[in-house]
Amino acid sequence: MKYRMAFALSALLMMGSVAEVVRPNIVYFLIDDQGYADVGFNGSPTIKTPNMDKLAAAGTILTSHYTQPVCSPTRAALMTGRYPIHTGVYNVVSRPSSWALPLEERTLAQGLRDAGYVTAICGKWHLGLEKSELRPTKRGFNYQYGQLTGAIDSYTKMSNEGLKGRDWFRNDAPCADEGYATHQLAQEACKIIGDQPSGKPLFLYVPFNAVHTPYQAPTAYEKPYASLDKANKSYAAMTAALDEAIGQIVAALEKKGLGKNTLFIYSSDNGGTSWGTAGSNDPLRGGKADIYEGGVRVCSFVTWPGHIPAGVKNDEPVHIIDWYPTLLKLAGAALDQPLPVDGKDLWPMLTQGAKSPHEEILIIGSVPGQRALRMGDWKLLLNPWDREKEGKGKGNSGRVELYDLRKDIAETTNLAATYPERVQQMRARLEALTVNPANPDGFFHAKEPKGNQSK
């Protein structure tokens, strides 16, 4: 109720329908493995993020923004507006695997480019690299700069995910540029902004490799965190460099005169690691690779001066799949396509205080059969496992958990035995969404599903 009142007041001054809105430039900052509590706008007591905080304060903080538990599935969901049960991307895409984001999937970049946008990616792709047709410039991006696999050394650019060499590319061809990855991505993004032709809208996708391991940053960024242990000091320094990079990109847009007509979206790709020694997802349980909240509810905000209410926190549940239809509609792009979209248009929720467009949000784990469903304040989990308590095992396949997130955001009290009828109702819906009788393991989920091989 408190959020809806704030929206109602702000909405009086906002444009209420997409039809009335001028097409914005779009900048999406996707951060890698950032903890829910590791930004100032979500209350970090230690890590300072002044540029992120300023941008978040100018817009709306999304406190219930969901993703997938690991990297590639989240990126596929953002690019297609579709859940993993439909794209087939359930786990990380890396060599020597021959599969990737299927070529029949239309990407957000393709839709925006067809609508007249200049499209650029500066950062981590992680949706296919084995063949040229799987790489960004063949999937809708006019420009590409950065890495194609999942994890690199920020200085040497050496990949630890099977590339067996440097993972740094410009327009999908190997690039010999040297430097610190976060700095390089910011510099390239600023150059693209500076070269942006007048009268053409820009879609700039900046999926930073930070703050993924290895935790690395120039020594100067560590000085304010000298009292922290080694891992947390490096992690905080990496975040500080990331915050500086975001400030530089925003400044470049303002210098170009594009700041007021730019829609900024910020989110992590999944929760921070719960098995490591740095970062925090407090007050959420678990982290990356979990289907608990710490793995899939991420720090996020959306900002567009004069259109998105400022200084607001919105707790309505949304999923990263929702940006696909929302952005295409804002851009005036065609939404008709052969493959059905799972995402929902968020514009009324963002600008008019409407409720979430979702009756349910589906969460698919990276282990077959591991899945969850959020309906209202209730969340049902099937076959969850907790790295902090269970190590790296896959858990008990028969385990069922139910939580009331409104009262128990930390998922501490399993109410499955207390509310068997609710469990039955939600489980029936979850299984209707995910069980595939034609699949040998019974689920749509598979490690390398048929139809997902690169062609």
Protein backbone atom coordinates (compact mmCIF):
# COMPACT_ATOMS: atom_id res chain seq x y z
CA MET A 1 0.00 0.00 0.00
CA LYS A 2 2.81 2.43 0.86
CA TYR A 3 4.35 1.92 -2.59
CA ARG A 4 1.01 2.36 -4.38
CA MET A 5 0.41 5.72 -2.65
CA ALA A 6 3.83 6.95 -3.78
CA PHE A 7 3.11 5.79 -7.31
CA ALA A 8 -0.30 7.46 -7.36
CA LEU A 9 1.23 10.82 -6.48
CA SER A 10 4.06 10.46 -8.98
CA ALA A 11 1.83 9.16 -11.74
CA LEU A 12 -0.12 12.44 -11.80
CA LEU A 13 2.97 13.98 -13.37
CA MET A 14 3.93 11.01 -15.52
CA MET A 15 2.86 9.98 -18.98
CA GLY A 16 0.41 7.17 -18.46
CA SER A 17 0.60 5.16 -21.68
CA VAL A 18 3.36 3.90 -23.90
CA ALA A 19 1.71 5.52 -26.91
CA GLU A 20 2.41 8.96 -25.41
CA VAL A 21 6.07 8.27 -24.70
CA VAL A 22 8.93 9.34 -26.96
CA ARG A 23 11.18 6.41 -27.82
CA PRO A 24 14.03 6.38 -25.32
CA ASN A 25 17.62 5.40 -25.59
CA ILE A 26 18.01 2.22 -23.55
CA VAL A 27 20.99 1.32 -21.37
CA TYR A 28 20.94 -2.02 -19.56
CA PHE A 29 23.64 -2.57 -16.92
CA LEU A 30 23.80 -6.30 -16.17
CA ILE A 31 26.19 -7.06 -13.31
CA ASP A 32 27.74 -10.49 -12.80
CA ASP A 33 27.21 -12.32 -9.47
CA GLN A 34 26.50 -9.19 -7.42
CA GLY A 35 25.12 -9.76 -3.93
CA TYR A 36 21.66 -8.40 -3.10
CA ALA A 37 23.10 -6.36 -0.21
CA ASP A 38 26.30 -5.20 -1.92
CA VAL A 39 25.06 -1.84 -3.19
CA GLY A 40 24.30 1.32 -1.30
CA PHE A 41 20.75 1.59 -2.65
CA ASN A 42 19.99 -1.79 -1.04
CA GLY A 43 21.57 -0.80 2.25
CA SER A 44 25.20 -1.97 2.10
CA PRO A 45 26.92 -0.73 5.26
CA THR A 46 30.39 -1.31 3.79
CA ILE A 47 30.57 -1.00 0.01
CA LYS A 48 30.18 2.52 -1.34
CA THR A 49 28.38 2.88 -4.68
CA PRO A 50 27.66 6.61 -5.09
CA ASN A 51 27.05 6.57 -8.86
CA MET A 52 24.70 3.61 -8.71
CA ASP A 53 22.91 5.14 -5.72
CA LYS A 54 22.43 8.48 -7.47
CA LEU A 55 21.00 6.80 -10.55
CA ALA A 56 18.76 4.56 -8.43
CA ALA A 57 17.48 7.54 -6.40
CA ALA A 58 16.44 9.23 -9.65
CA GLY A 59 14.20 6.26 -10.43
CA THR A 60 12.47 3.26 -8.89
CA ILE A 61 14.24 0.52 -6.95
CA LEU A 62 12.81 -2.91 -7.74
CA THR A 63 13.07 -4.96 -4.56
CA SER A 64 11.52 -8.14 -6.01
CA HIS A 65 13.30 -8.45 -9.35
CA TYR A 66 13.86 -12.11 -10.27
CA THR A 67 16.34 -13.75 -12.60
CA GLN A 68 17.57 -17.32 -13.14
CA PRO A 69 20.03 -18.85 -10.65
CA VAL A 70 23.03 -18.82 -13.01
CA CYS A 71 24.43 -16.75 -15.82
CA SER A 72 23.52 -17.96 -19.32
CA PRO A 73 19.86 -18.77 -18.48
CA THR A 74 19.38 -15.21 -17.21
CA ARG A 75 20.98 -13.72 -20.32
CA ALA A 76 18.85 -15.92 -22.56
CA ALA A 77 15.74 -14.86 -20.65
CA LEU A 78 16.61 -11.17 -21.06
CA MET A 79 17.38 -11.54 -24.76
CA THR A 80 14.21 -13.53 -25.60
CA GLY A 81 11.58 -12.77 -22.95
CA ARG A 82 11.23 -16.54 -22.52
CA TYR A 83 11.80 -18.97 -19.64
CA PRO A 84 14.46 -21.72 -19.86
CA ILE A 85 11.69 -24.31 -20.40
CA HIS A 86 11.18 -22.64 -23.79
CA THR A 87 14.71 -21.54 -24.81
CA GLY A 88 16.40 -24.73 -23.56
CA VAL A 89 19.15 -22.67 -21.89
CA TYR A 90 19.19 -24.14 -18.38
CA ASN A 91 22.87 -23.91 -17.56
CA VAL A 92 26.02 -22.05 -18.54
CA VAL A 93 26.98 -22.12 -22.21
CA SER A 94 30.66 -23.01 -22.47
CA ARG A 95 33.03 -25.12 -24.49
CA PRO A 96 33.21 -27.94 -25.44
CA SER A 97 29.39 -27.86 -25.44
CA SER A 98 27.95 -27.57 -28.95
CA TRP A 99 24.73 -25.90 -27.89
CA ALA A 100 23.81 -22.26 -27.40
CA LEU A 101 20.85 -19.90 -27.57
CA PRO A 102 18.90 -21.48 -30.45
CA LEU A 103 19.12 -19.62 -33.73
CA GLU A 104 15.34 -19.61 -34.10
CA GLU A 105 15.08 -17.37 -31.02
CA ARG A 106 14.53 -13.70 -31.83
CA THR A 107 16.64 -11.51 -29.58
CA LEU A 108 15.87 -8.18 -27.95
CA ALA A 109 18.72 -6.68 -29.99
CA GLN A 110 17.18 -7.95 -33.24
CA GLY A 111 13.82 -6.47 -32.36
CA LEU A 112 15.29 -3.09 -31.43
CA ARG A 113 17.60 -2.98 -34.45
CA ASP A 114 14.67 -3.71 -36.74
CA ALA A 115 12.85 -0.81 -35.07
CA GLY A 116 15.67 1.58 -36.00
CA TYR A 117 17.92 1.41 -32.93
CA VAL A 118 21.70 1.30 -33.02
CA THR A 119 22.49 -1.77 -30.92
CA ALA A 120 25.72 -2.41 -29.03
CA ILE A 121 26.99 -4.89 -26.45
CA CYS A 122 29.98 -4.04 -24.27
CA GLY A 123 30.70 -6.94 -21.97
CA LYS A 124 29.87 -10.59 -21.50
CA TRP A 125 27.79 -12.46 -24.09
CA HIS A 126 27.83 -16.11 -22.82
CA LEU A 127 25.13 -17.35 -25.21
CA GLY A 128 27.22 -19.08 -27.89
CA LEU A 129 30.57 -18.79 -29.62
CA GLU A 130 31.39 -22.04 -31.46
CA LYS A 131 30.22 -20.70 -34.82
CA SER A 132 30.06 -17.17 -36.12
CA GLU A 133 26.27 -17.24 -36.43
CA LEU A 134 25.98 -17.70 -32.66
CA ARG A 135 27.88 -14.52 -31.82
CA PRO A 136 26.43 -11.09 -31.01
CA THR A 137 26.81 -9.36 -34.38
CA LYS A 138 24.76 -12.17 -35.94
CA ARG A 139 22.16 -11.99 -33.16
CA GLY A 140 21.10 -8.37 -33.58
CA PHE A 141 24.00 -6.21 -32.37
CA ASN A 142 25.61 -3.63 -34.65
CA TYR A 143 28.65 -3.52 -32.37
CA GLN A 144 30.27 -5.97 -29.97
CA TYR A 145 33.15 -5.57 -27.52
CA GLY A 146 34.21 -7.81 -24.65
CA GLN A 147 34.13 -11.48 -23.76
CA LEU A 148 32.13 -14.34 -25.27
CA THR A 149 32.42 -16.94 -22.49
CA GLY A 150 31.56 -16.78 -18.82
CA ALA A 151 34.59 -15.99 -16.70
CA ILE A 152 37.89 -14.30 -17.46
CA ASP A 153 40.91 -12.80 -15.77
CA SER A 154 40.22 -9.05 -15.79
CA TYR A 155 43.77 -8.27 -16.91
CA THR A 156 44.97 -11.13 -19.12
CA LYS A 157 41.46 -11.91 -20.49
CA MET A 158 42.30 -15.60 -20.25
CA SER A 159 39.13 -17.70 -20.07
CA ASN A 160 38.64 -20.38 -17.44
CA GLU A 161 35.66 -21.89 -19.25
CA GLY A 162 37.22 -23.87 -22.05
CA LEU A 163 38.16 -21.20 -24.59
CA LYS A 164 41.87 -22.08 -24.03
CA GLY A 165 43.17 -18.60 -24.65
CA ARG A 166 42.25 -14.94 -24.50
CA ASP A 167 38.57 -14.19 -24.51
CA TRP A 168 38.38 -10.61 -25.76
CA PHE A 169 36.65 -9.71 -29.00
CA ARG A 170 35.68 -6.69 -31.06
CA ASN A 171 32.81 -7.26 -33.48
CA ASP A 172 33.19 -11.00 -32.83
CA ALA A 173 36.83 -11.13 -33.96
CA PRO A 174 39.77 -11.62 -31.54
CA CYS A 175 40.98 -8.32 -30.10
CA ALA A 176 44.44 -7.63 -28.64
CA ASP A 177 43.45 -4.59 -26.51
CA GLU A 178 45.16 -4.57 -23.09
CA GLY A 179 43.95 -3.12 -19.81
CA TYR A 180 41.59 -3.72 -16.92
CA ALA A 181 38.31 -5.16 -18.23
CA THR A 182 35.91 -2.87 -16.34
CA HIS A 183 37.83 0.21 -17.52
CA GLN A 184 37.93 -1.05 -21.10
CA LEU A 185 34.20 -1.75 -21.23
CA ALA A 186 33.39 1.71 -19.88
CA GLN A 187 35.74 3.38 -22.38
CA GLU A 188 34.21 1.49 -25.28
CA ALA A 189 30.67 2.26 -24.13
CA CYS A 190 31.54 5.96 -23.87
CA LYS A 191 33.04 5.90 -27.36
CA ILE A 192 29.88 4.31 -28.78
CA ILE A 193 27.79 6.98 -27.08
CA GLY A 194 30.05 9.73 -28.45
CA ASP A 195 29.77 8.32 -31.98
CA GLN A 196 26.01 7.86 -31.81
CA PRO A 197 24.42 9.45 -34.91
CA SER A 198 21.95 12.25 -34.30
CA GLY A 199 18.30 11.23 -34.45
CA LYS A 200 18.96 7.50 -33.99
CA PRO A 201 17.97 5.84 -30.70
CA LEU A 202 20.58 3.69 -28.95
CA PHE A 203 20.32 0.32 -27.21
CA LEU A 204 23.49 -0.11 -25.17
CA TYR A 205 23.73 -3.44 -23.34
CA VAL A 206 26.57 -3.40 -20.79
CA PRO A 207 26.89 -6.84 -19.17
CA PHE A 208 30.03 -6.24 -17.09
CA ASN A 209 32.25 -9.18 -16.14
CA ALA A 210 32.48 -7.59 -12.69
CA VAL A 211 32.01 -8.69 -9.96
CA HIS A 212 32.55 -12.31 -11.00
CA THR A 213 35.60 -14.12 -9.70
CA PRO A 214 38.55 -13.79 -9.80
CA TYR A 215 38.20 -10.72 -7.58
CA GLN A 216 40.63 -8.25 -9.14
CA ALA A 217 40.93 -4.47 -9.14
CA PRO A 218 43.71 -1.90 -9.35
CA THR A 219 45.27 -1.23 -5.93
CA ALA A 220 43.97 2.33 -5.76
CA TYR A 221 40.40 1.03 -5.43
CA GLU A 222 41.36 -1.13 -2.44
CA LYS A 223 42.60 1.74 -0.25
CA PRO A 224 39.18 2.73 1.19
CA TYR A 225 38.67 -0.93 2.20
CA ALA A 226 42.06 -1.60 3.78
CA SER A 227 40.45 -2.88 7.00
CA LEU A 228 38.63 -5.72 5.23
CA ASP A 229 40.00 -9.21 4.72
CA LYS A 230 41.70 -9.99 1.40
CA ALA A 231 38.66 -11.40 -0.44
CA ASN A 232 36.20 -8.74 0.69
CA LYS A 233 38.73 -5.98 0.04
CA SER A 234 39.21 -7.13 -3.55
CA TYR A 235 35.46 -7.62 -4.04
CA ALA A 236 34.68 -4.14 -2.69
CA ALA A 237 37.43 -2.62 -4.86
CA MET A 238 36.04 -4.38 -7.92
CA THR A 239 32.61 -2.92 -7.08
CA ALA A 240 34.13 0.54 -6.68
CA ALA A 241 35.68 0.32 -10.16
CA LEU A 242 32.33 -0.87 -11.50
CA ASP A 243 30.54 2.06 -9.86
CA GLU A 244 33.04 4.48 -11.38
CA ALA A 245 32.47 2.91 -14.83
CA ILE A 246 28.71 3.38 -14.54
CA GLY A 247 29.25 7.02 -13.58
CA GLN A 248 31.43 7.52 -16.66
CA ILE A 249 28.80 6.03 -18.97
CA VAL A 250 26.05 8.21 -17.49
CA ALA A 251 28.30 11.27 -17.85
CA ALA A 252 28.99 10.41 -21.50
CA LEU A 253 25.25 10.28 -22.18
CA GLU A 254 24.73 13.63 -20.48
CA LYS A 255 27.62 15.18 -22.44
CA LYS A 256 26.02 13.94 -25.66
CA GLY A 257 22.71 15.46 -24.58
CA LEU A 258 21.02 12.06 -24.24
CA GLY A 259 20.68 11.81 -20.45
CA LYS A 260 17.09 13.02 -20.16
CA ASN A 261 15.82 10.65 -22.82
CA THR A 262 17.62 7.51 -21.66
CA LEU A 263 15.97 4.63 -19.84
CA PHE A 264 18.44 2.96 -17.47
CA ILE A 265 17.92 -0.56 -16.17
CA TYR A 266 20.24 -2.14 -13.63
CA SER A 267 20.28 -5.67 -12.28
CA SER A 268 22.55 -8.52 -11.35
CA ASP A 269 22.32 -11.71 -13.41
CA ASN A 270 21.83 -13.82 -10.27
CA GLY A 271 22.59 -13.61 -6.58
CA GLY A 272 26.08 -13.34 -5.18
CA THR A 273 27.91 -16.54 -4.34
CA SER A 274 26.85 -18.08 -1.03
CA TRP A 275 29.83 -20.45 -0.88
CA GLY A 276 32.54 -17.82 -1.30
CA THR A 277 34.25 -15.53 1.15
CA ALA A 278 33.08 -12.16 -0.17
CA GLY A 279 29.79 -10.36 -0.70
CA SER A 280 26.37 -10.66 0.89
CA ASN A 281 22.79 -11.49 -0.12
CA ASP A 282 21.34 -10.47 3.26
CA PRO A 283 18.58 -10.86 4.28
CA LEU A 284 18.01 -13.53 1.63
CA ARG A 285 18.82 -17.22 1.95
CA GLY A 286 21.39 -18.86 -0.31
CA GLY A 287 22.99 -17.43 -3.42
CA LYS A 288 24.10 -18.13 -6.95
CA ALA A 289 22.89 -21.52 -8.27
CA ASP A 290 20.18 -21.75 -5.57
CA ILE A 291 16.46 -21.40 -6.19
CA TYR A 292 16.15 -19.76 -2.78
CA GLU A 293 15.68 -15.99 -2.89
CA GLY A 294 19.41 -15.32 -2.55
CA GLY A 295 20.01 -17.03 -5.87
CA VAL A 296 17.28 -15.39 -7.92
CA ARG A 297 16.11 -12.13 -6.29
CA VAL A 298 18.62 -9.48 -7.29
CA CYS A 299 19.46 -5.84 -6.69
CA SER A 300 17.79 -3.77 -9.39
CA PHE A 301 16.44 -0.37 -10.36
CA VAL A 302 14.95 1.41 -13.37
CA THR A 303 15.39 5.12 -14.10
CA TRP A 304 14.07 7.46 -16.77
CA PRO A 305 13.76 11.11 -15.67
CA GLY A 306 10.27 12.46 -16.17
CA HIS A 307 8.75 9.07 -16.93
CA ILE A 308 9.63 6.66 -14.12
CA PRO A 309 8.79 7.89 -10.60
CA ALA A 310 11.86 8.93 -8.60
CA GLY A 311 12.63 8.00 -5.03
CA VAL A 312 10.29 5.00 -5.03
CA LYS A 313 10.74 1.40 -3.90
CA ASN A 314 8.50 -1.08 -5.67
CA ASP A 315 8.07 -4.55 -4.17
CA GLU A 316 5.88 -5.97 -6.94
CA PRO A 317 7.44 -9.19 -8.28
CA VAL A 318 8.89 -8.99 -11.79
CA HIS A 319 11.21 -11.22 -13.82
CA ILE A 320 14.00 -10.39 -16.23
CA ILE A 321 11.87 -11.87 -19.05
CA ASP A 322 9.60 -8.84 -18.68
CA TRP A 323 12.09 -6.37 -20.14
CA TYR A 324 11.77 -7.96 -23.58
CA PRO A 325 8.11 -7.02 -24.24
CA THR A 326 8.36 -3.81 -22.20
CA LEU A 327 11.31 -2.45 -24.17
CA LEU A 328 10.10 -3.59 -27.56
CA LYS A 329 6.76 -1.92 -26.95
CA LEU A 330 8.43 1.32 -25.82
CA ALA A 331 10.58 1.23 -28.94
CA GLY A 332 7.61 0.75 -31.23
CA ALA A 333 9.03 -2.61 -32.33
CA ALA A 334 6.93 -5.48 -33.61
CA LEU A 335 5.84 -7.91 -30.91
CA ASP A 336 4.31 -10.49 -33.25
CA GLN A 337 6.60 -13.50 -33.54
CA PRO A 338 6.31 -17.27 -34.00
CA LEU A 339 7.72 -18.13 -30.55
CA PRO A 340 5.43 -17.09 -27.66
CA VAL A 341 6.78 -14.61 -25.11
CA ASP A 342 6.57 -15.39 -21.38
CA GLY A 343 7.39 -11.85 -20.25
CA LYS A 344 4.80 -9.19 -19.41
CA ASP A 345 4.69 -5.47 -20.12
CA LEU A 346 5.83 -3.66 -16.96
CA TRP A 347 4.99 -0.12 -18.07
CA PRO A 348 1.69 0.29 -16.15
CA MET A 349 3.35 -1.11 -13.00
CA LEU A 350 6.34 1.21 -13.38
CA THR A 351 4.45 4.41 -14.16
CA GLN A 352 0.90 4.08 -12.82
CA GLY A 353 1.27 2.03 -9.64
CA ALA A 354 -0.40 -1.03 -11.14
CA LYS A 355 0.11 -4.44 -9.61
CA SER A 356 2.61 -6.87 -11.05
CA PRO A 357 1.37 -8.24 -14.39
CA HIS A 358 2.28 -11.75 -13.17
CA GLU A 359 -0.05 -14.14 -11.42
CA GLU A 360 2.98 -16.36 -10.99
CA ILE A 361 6.72 -16.30 -11.51
CA LEU A 362 8.52 -19.47 -12.54
CA ILE A 363 12.04 -20.25 -11.38
CA ILE A 364 13.96 -23.06 -13.04
CA GLY A 365 17.16 -24.40 -11.48
CA SER A 366 20.25 -25.63 -13.28
CA VAL A 367 19.65 -29.18 -11.95
CA PRO A 368 16.90 -31.25 -13.64
CA GLY A 369 13.69 -31.18 -11.60
CA GLN A 370 14.80 -28.25 -9.43
CA ARG A 371 12.12 -25.57 -9.73
CA ALA A 372 10.06 -23.05 -7.81
CA LEU A 373 6.91 -20.99 -8.24
CA ARG A 374 6.01 -17.67 -6.66
CA MET A 375 2.29 -16.86 -6.50
CA GLY A 376 1.52 -13.66 -4.63
CA ASP A 377 3.50 -13.76 -1.40
CA TRP A 378 3.81 -17.55 -1.44
CA LYS A 379 6.71 -19.50 -2.86
CA LEU A 380 6.83 -23.25 -3.43
CA LEU A 381 10.16 -25.00 -4.00
CA LEU A 382 10.69 -28.52 -5.29
CA ASN A 383 14.09 -30.18 -4.82
CA PRO A 384 15.93 -27.13 -3.47
CA TRP A 385 19.39 -27.41 -1.98
CA ASP A 386 21.47 -25.02 0.07
CA ARG A 387 25.22 -24.85 -0.52
CA GLU A 388 25.83 -23.37 2.93
CA LYS A 389 24.14 -26.32 4.65
CA GLU A 390 24.55 -29.17 2.18
CA GLY A 391 27.76 -28.52 0.28
CA LYS A 392 27.66 -28.93 -3.47
CA GLY A 393 25.27 -31.90 -3.55
CA LYS A 394 22.03 -31.85 -5.49
CA GLY A 395 19.75 -32.23 -2.51
CA ASN A 396 16.87 -34.55 -1.85
CA SER A 397 14.74 -34.93 -4.96
CA GLY A 398 11.62 -35.42 -2.87
CA ARG A 399 11.91 -32.29 -0.75
CA VAL A 400 9.07 -29.76 -0.88
CA GLU A 401 9.25 -26.33 0.77
CA LEU A 402 6.68 -23.54 1.11
CA TYR A 403 7.36 -20.02 2.38
CA ASP A 404 5.33 -16.88 3.03
CA LEU A 405 7.75 -14.28 1.67
CA ARG A 406 5.82 -11.36 3.10
CA LYS A 407 6.52 -12.60 6.63
CA ASP A 408 9.64 -14.67 5.97
CA ILE A 409 11.84 -13.19 3.25
CA ALA A 410 14.78 -15.26 4.57
CA GLU A 411 12.88 -18.53 3.93
CA THR A 412 13.53 -19.89 7.42
CA THR A 413 10.19 -21.55 8.21
CA ASN A 414 8.98 -24.29 5.87
CA LEU A 415 5.16 -24.20 5.93
CA ALA A 416 4.56 -27.12 3.57
CA ALA A 417 3.16 -29.36 6.34
CA THR A 418 1.00 -26.52 7.70
CA TYR A 419 -0.68 -25.68 4.38
CA PRO A 420 -1.01 -28.95 2.41
CA GLU A 421 -3.87 -27.64 0.25
CA ARG A 422 -1.81 -24.64 -0.84
CA VAL A 423 1.11 -26.94 -1.62
CA GLN A 424 -1.18 -29.15 -3.68
CA GLN A 425 -2.60 -26.19 -5.60
CA MET A 426 0.78 -24.59 -6.32
CA ARG A 427 2.44 -27.89 -7.14
CA ALA A 428 -0.26 -28.72 -9.66
CA ARG A 429 0.32 -25.38 -11.35
CA LEU A 430 4.10 -25.78 -11.27
CA GLU A 431 3.94 -29.23 -12.77
CA ALA A 432 1.51 -28.06 -15.45
CA LEU A 433 4.13 -25.50 -16.46
CA THR A 434 7.18 -27.76 -16.32
CA VAL A 435 6.35 -31.46 -16.70
CA ASN A 436 6.77 -32.87 -20.18
CA PRO A 437 5.54 -36.48 -20.56
CA ALA A 438 7.47 -36.83 -23.83
CA ASN A 439 10.79 -36.17 -22.12
CA PRO A 440 12.56 -39.25 -20.69
CA ASP A 441 13.29 -37.53 -17.37
CA GLY A 442 9.73 -36.23 -17.12
CA PHE A 443 10.58 -32.52 -17.28
CA PHE A 444 11.11 -29.92 -19.94
CA HIS A 445 14.46 -29.47 -18.21
CA ALA A 446 17.46 -31.22 -19.75
CA LYS A 447 21.19 -30.50 -19.76
CA GLU A 448 21.43 -30.27 -23.54
CA PRO A 449 17.85 -30.38 -24.81
CA LYS A 450 17.06 -31.56 -28.30
CA GLY A 451 16.57 -28.71 -30.71
CA ASN A 452 19.13 -26.57 -28.89
CA GLN A 453 22.23 -27.64 -30.76
CA SER A 454 24.07 -24.97 -32.68
CA LYS A 455 23.49 -25.25 -36.42
